[in-house]
Amino acid sequence: MTSNLVNYKIIYDNVALLNLSGTGKHLVSLALIKDFDTAVRRAVNDKVVGLITVHSGNCFSGGLDYDSAPEAVLVGAFASLIASLIRLPFPTVARVTGQACGAGFTLALAHDYLVLSTDSTVSLCQNELTEGHEVPSFAAALLFGKFPRSVAWELAVLTVPVIPPNYSPISDYVKKYVGWSIDDVATKLLEPAAGRVGTAYSAVRKSLLAELWALVKPTTTQA
């Protein structure tokens, strides 16, 4: 499946590869949210054992496209997309080889695993404050669900980019998978997890990210 914004295909017969296509900033607009969600639903229908999100160009996502829709509508749609990722019955991986800012960082963190390259262009930053916007409550909950509170606070308030080689202050979270290729992710991480795919997998994710799930669940029509 291909759109102007998202390219979807199956690799290794049972792993979904979702590519944010084009060389732009992949700003999170209503159109990108729709295409991304369509690809996620396609992965469920294809009964894959895992999903990898990658990007073309040097930017995973530059954040919300505030010019594409009213901010409240855009943030609500983005929350629904995060809910869709949480509900998935299989593991998800974001492989970032460039910049991920604001909502782009949130989107990457909403995957179960974050795989970063050692390239010097990689930079991650929760930069809503520096851009004059609030950090959405669900994005803050994701930070506090993934990292120690001091680290989550630093990411949200200090807005200092996370960069190679050690990716401080999230080095403990990402160091195991730094430098992994798409093939590494598919064959070493996702395919071996095939036996754990199912509703119980999504239930674990909802439990571990309970605060986040409570915030995004009301925006969906499914549990």
Protein backbone atom coordinates (compact mmCIF):
# COMPACT_ATOMS: atom_id res chain seq x y z
CA MET A 1 0.00 0.00 0.00
CA THR A 2 1.37 3.40 -0.99
CA SER A 3 0.15 6.95 -0.33
CA ASN A 4 1.77 10.32 -0.77
CA LEU A 5 2.87 10.22 2.86
CA VAL A 6 3.24 6.58 3.84
CA ASN A 7 4.59 3.50 2.13
CA TYR A 8 3.61 0.09 3.52
CA LYS A 9 4.97 -3.33 2.64
CA ILE A 10 5.61 -6.76 4.12
CA ILE A 11 9.19 -7.92 4.62
CA TYR A 12 10.37 -11.38 5.66
CA ASP A 13 6.82 -12.59 4.92
CA ASN A 14 5.50 -11.53 8.33
CA VAL A 15 6.89 -8.12 9.34
CA ALA A 16 5.25 -4.84 8.33
CA LEU A 17 7.54 -2.03 7.23
CA LEU A 18 5.98 1.44 7.34
CA ASN A 19 8.01 4.21 5.71
CA LEU A 20 7.34 7.92 6.12
CA SER A 21 8.03 8.74 2.50
CA GLY A 22 9.50 11.78 0.81
CA THR A 23 12.40 13.95 1.92
CA GLY A 24 10.51 16.61 3.89
CA LYS A 25 9.93 16.98 7.61
CA HIS A 26 7.01 14.50 7.74
CA LEU A 27 5.00 16.92 9.87
CA VAL A 28 2.14 15.25 11.70
CA SER A 29 -0.90 16.55 9.85
CA LEU A 30 -4.41 15.11 9.71
CA ALA A 31 -3.48 13.57 6.35
CA LEU A 32 -0.37 11.86 7.72
CA ILE A 33 -2.30 10.63 10.77
CA LYS A 34 -4.95 9.13 8.49
CA ASP A 35 -2.40 7.41 6.26
CA PHE A 36 -0.39 6.15 9.23
CA ASP A 37 -3.52 4.76 10.90
CA THR A 38 -4.57 3.07 7.65
CA ALA A 39 -1.17 1.38 7.46
CA VAL A 40 -1.43 0.25 11.08
CA ARG A 41 -4.84 -1.29 10.41
CA ARG A 42 -3.45 -2.99 7.31
CA ALA A 43 -0.73 -4.56 9.46
CA VAL A 44 -3.38 -5.96 11.81
CA ASN A 45 -5.33 -7.41 8.88
CA ASP A 46 -2.13 -8.94 7.50
CA LYS A 47 -1.56 -10.68 10.86
CA VAL A 48 2.08 -9.63 11.03
CA VAL A 49 4.36 -10.47 13.96
CA GLY A 50 5.65 -6.91 14.25
CA LEU A 51 5.85 -3.47 12.69
CA ILE A 52 8.85 -1.28 11.94
CA THR A 53 8.40 2.43 11.23
CA VAL A 54 11.23 4.08 9.30
CA HIS A 55 11.61 7.30 7.33
CA SER A 56 13.05 8.61 4.09
CA GLY A 57 15.28 11.66 4.20
CA ASN A 58 16.94 13.09 7.28
CA CYS A 59 13.83 13.68 9.38
CA PHE A 60 11.60 11.13 11.11
CA SER A 61 9.14 13.90 11.93
CA GLY A 62 9.46 17.58 12.73
CA GLY A 63 6.34 17.59 14.91
CA LEU A 64 2.71 18.61 14.56
CA ASP A 65 1.68 20.53 11.46
CA TYR A 66 -0.13 23.34 13.27
CA ASP A 67 -1.04 24.98 9.96
CA SER A 68 -2.96 21.92 8.75
CA ALA A 69 -5.86 22.03 11.23
CA PRO A 70 -7.05 23.68 14.45
CA GLU A 71 -4.66 22.70 17.24
CA ALA A 72 -7.32 20.96 19.36
CA VAL A 73 -8.48 18.87 16.40
CA LEU A 74 -4.91 17.96 15.45
CA VAL A 75 -3.90 16.98 18.98
CA GLY A 76 -7.07 14.90 19.37
CA ALA A 77 -6.42 13.03 16.13
CA PHE A 78 -2.82 12.42 17.17
CA ALA A 79 -4.00 11.02 20.51
CA SER A 80 -6.22 8.59 18.61
CA LEU A 81 -3.23 7.44 16.56
CA ILE A 82 -1.23 6.84 19.73
CA ALA A 83 -4.16 4.79 21.04
CA SER A 84 -4.10 2.70 17.86
CA LEU A 85 -0.43 1.91 18.45
CA ILE A 86 -1.08 0.91 22.06
CA ARG A 87 -3.86 -1.47 21.02
CA LEU A 88 -1.72 -3.37 18.53
CA PRO A 89 -1.35 -7.10 19.32
CA PHE A 90 2.29 -7.25 18.21
CA PRO A 91 5.55 -5.41 18.99
CA THR A 92 6.41 -2.15 17.23
CA VAL A 93 9.74 -0.52 16.48
CA ALA A 94 10.63 3.01 15.40
CA ARG A 95 13.98 3.17 13.62
CA VAL A 96 15.15 6.79 13.62
CA THR A 97 18.13 7.82 11.52
CA GLY A 98 17.53 11.59 11.58
CA GLN A 99 15.58 14.20 13.53
CA ALA A 100 12.48 13.51 15.63
CA CYS A 101 11.05 16.62 17.28
CA GLY A 102 7.99 17.30 19.41
CA ALA A 103 5.16 15.08 18.22
CA GLY A 104 7.70 13.25 16.08
CA PHE A 105 9.56 12.24 19.23
CA THR A 106 6.24 11.24 20.83
CA LEU A 107 5.36 9.11 17.80
CA ALA A 108 8.73 7.36 17.94
CA LEU A 109 8.44 6.71 21.69
CA ALA A 110 4.91 5.34 21.25
CA HIS A 111 6.52 2.32 19.60
CA ASP A 112 7.72 -0.43 21.94
CA TYR A 113 11.35 -0.11 20.87
CA LEU A 114 13.40 2.84 19.70
CA VAL A 115 16.29 1.95 17.39
CA LEU A 116 18.73 4.75 16.69
CA SER A 117 21.64 4.97 14.29
CA THR A 118 25.09 6.25 15.20
CA ASP A 119 24.92 8.91 12.49
CA SER A 120 25.73 12.43 13.67
CA THR A 121 22.51 13.81 12.15
CA VAL A 122 20.31 11.97 14.66
CA SER A 123 18.62 14.31 17.12
CA LEU A 124 15.56 13.80 19.32
CA CYS A 125 13.85 16.60 21.21
CA GLN A 126 10.51 17.19 22.95
CA ASN A 127 10.50 20.83 21.85
CA GLU A 128 6.88 22.01 22.14
CA LEU A 129 7.81 24.54 24.83
CA THR A 130 10.47 26.20 22.71
CA GLU A 131 7.96 26.41 19.86
CA GLY A 132 5.36 28.09 22.08
CA HIS A 133 3.05 25.10 22.49
CA GLU A 134 2.07 22.99 25.48
CA VAL A 135 3.26 19.42 25.72
CA PRO A 136 0.03 17.38 25.34
CA SER A 137 -0.88 15.54 28.53
CA PHE A 138 -0.65 12.17 26.81
CA ALA A 139 2.82 13.00 25.46
CA ALA A 140 3.94 13.89 28.99
CA ALA A 141 2.42 10.66 30.31
CA LEU A 142 4.38 8.71 27.70
CA LEU A 143 7.62 10.31 28.90
CA PHE A 144 6.83 9.45 32.51
CA GLY A 145 5.81 5.93 31.49
CA LYS A 146 9.06 5.25 29.64
CA PHE A 147 11.68 7.03 31.75
CA PRO A 148 12.56 7.91 35.36
CA ARG A 149 10.80 11.09 36.46
CA SER A 150 13.96 13.19 36.47
CA VAL A 151 14.71 12.14 32.89
CA ALA A 152 11.12 12.75 31.76
CA TRP A 153 11.22 16.23 33.29
CA GLU A 154 14.51 17.00 31.58
CA LEU A 155 13.17 15.89 28.21
CA ALA A 156 9.95 17.90 28.52
CA VAL A 157 11.24 21.12 30.08
CA LEU A 158 14.91 21.55 29.22
CA THR A 159 14.32 20.53 25.59
CA VAL A 160 17.99 19.63 25.13
CA PRO A 161 18.41 17.41 22.03
CA VAL A 162 19.25 13.75 22.61
CA ILE A 163 22.16 12.97 20.30
CA PRO A 164 24.80 10.27 19.64
CA PRO A 165 27.04 8.71 20.61
CA ASN A 166 25.67 7.94 24.09
CA TYR A 167 22.13 9.37 23.70
CA SER A 168 22.09 10.76 27.24
CA PRO A 169 19.77 10.92 29.20
CA ILE A 170 17.94 8.00 27.53
CA SER A 171 21.03 5.86 26.92
CA ASP A 172 19.79 3.01 29.14
CA TYR A 173 16.57 2.84 27.11
CA VAL A 174 18.18 2.70 23.66
CA LYS A 175 21.74 1.42 24.02
CA LYS A 176 20.93 -2.26 23.39
CA TYR A 177 19.67 -1.54 19.88
CA VAL A 178 21.81 1.39 18.72
CA GLY A 179 23.09 0.79 15.19
CA TRP A 180 20.70 -2.05 14.38
CA SER A 181 19.66 -2.35 10.74
CA ILE A 182 16.13 -3.13 9.55
CA ASP A 183 17.26 -6.72 9.00
CA ASP A 184 18.56 -6.89 12.58
CA VAL A 185 15.26 -5.62 13.95
CA ALA A 186 13.19 -8.05 11.89
CA THR A 187 15.26 -11.18 12.48
CA LYS A 188 16.63 -10.61 15.99
CA LEU A 189 13.74 -8.83 17.67
CA LEU A 190 10.40 -9.22 15.90
CA GLU A 191 10.41 -12.68 14.36
CA PRO A 192 11.55 -14.34 17.63
CA ALA A 193 8.60 -12.64 19.37
CA ALA A 194 6.02 -14.32 17.11
CA GLY A 195 4.81 -16.63 19.85
CA ARG A 196 3.82 -13.68 22.04
CA VAL A 197 1.61 -11.93 19.49
CA GLY A 198 -2.02 -11.54 20.52
CA THR A 199 -4.43 -9.60 22.72
CA ALA A 200 -2.39 -10.44 25.80
CA TYR A 201 0.51 -8.49 24.30
CA SER A 202 -1.53 -5.33 23.95
CA ALA A 203 -2.89 -5.84 27.47
CA VAL A 204 0.65 -5.76 28.85
CA ARG A 205 1.36 -2.53 26.96
CA LYS A 206 -1.82 -0.95 28.34
CA SER A 207 -0.82 -1.93 31.87
CA LEU A 208 2.75 -0.67 31.61
CA LEU A 209 1.57 2.62 30.09
CA ALA A 210 -1.61 2.84 32.17
CA GLU A 211 -1.56 6.63 32.60
CA LEU A 212 -1.05 7.18 28.88
CA TRP A 213 -3.75 4.66 27.98
CA ALA A 214 -6.24 6.34 30.32
CA LEU A 215 -5.67 9.64 28.54
CA VAL A 216 -5.95 8.43 24.95
CA LYS A 217 -8.53 5.65 25.37
CA PRO A 218 -11.55 8.04 25.49
CA THR A 219 -10.65 9.30 21.99
CA THR A 220 -11.28 5.84 20.53
CA THR A 221 -14.33 3.67 19.99
CA GLN A 222 -12.54 0.47 20.89
CA ALA A 223 -11.03 -0.81 24.12
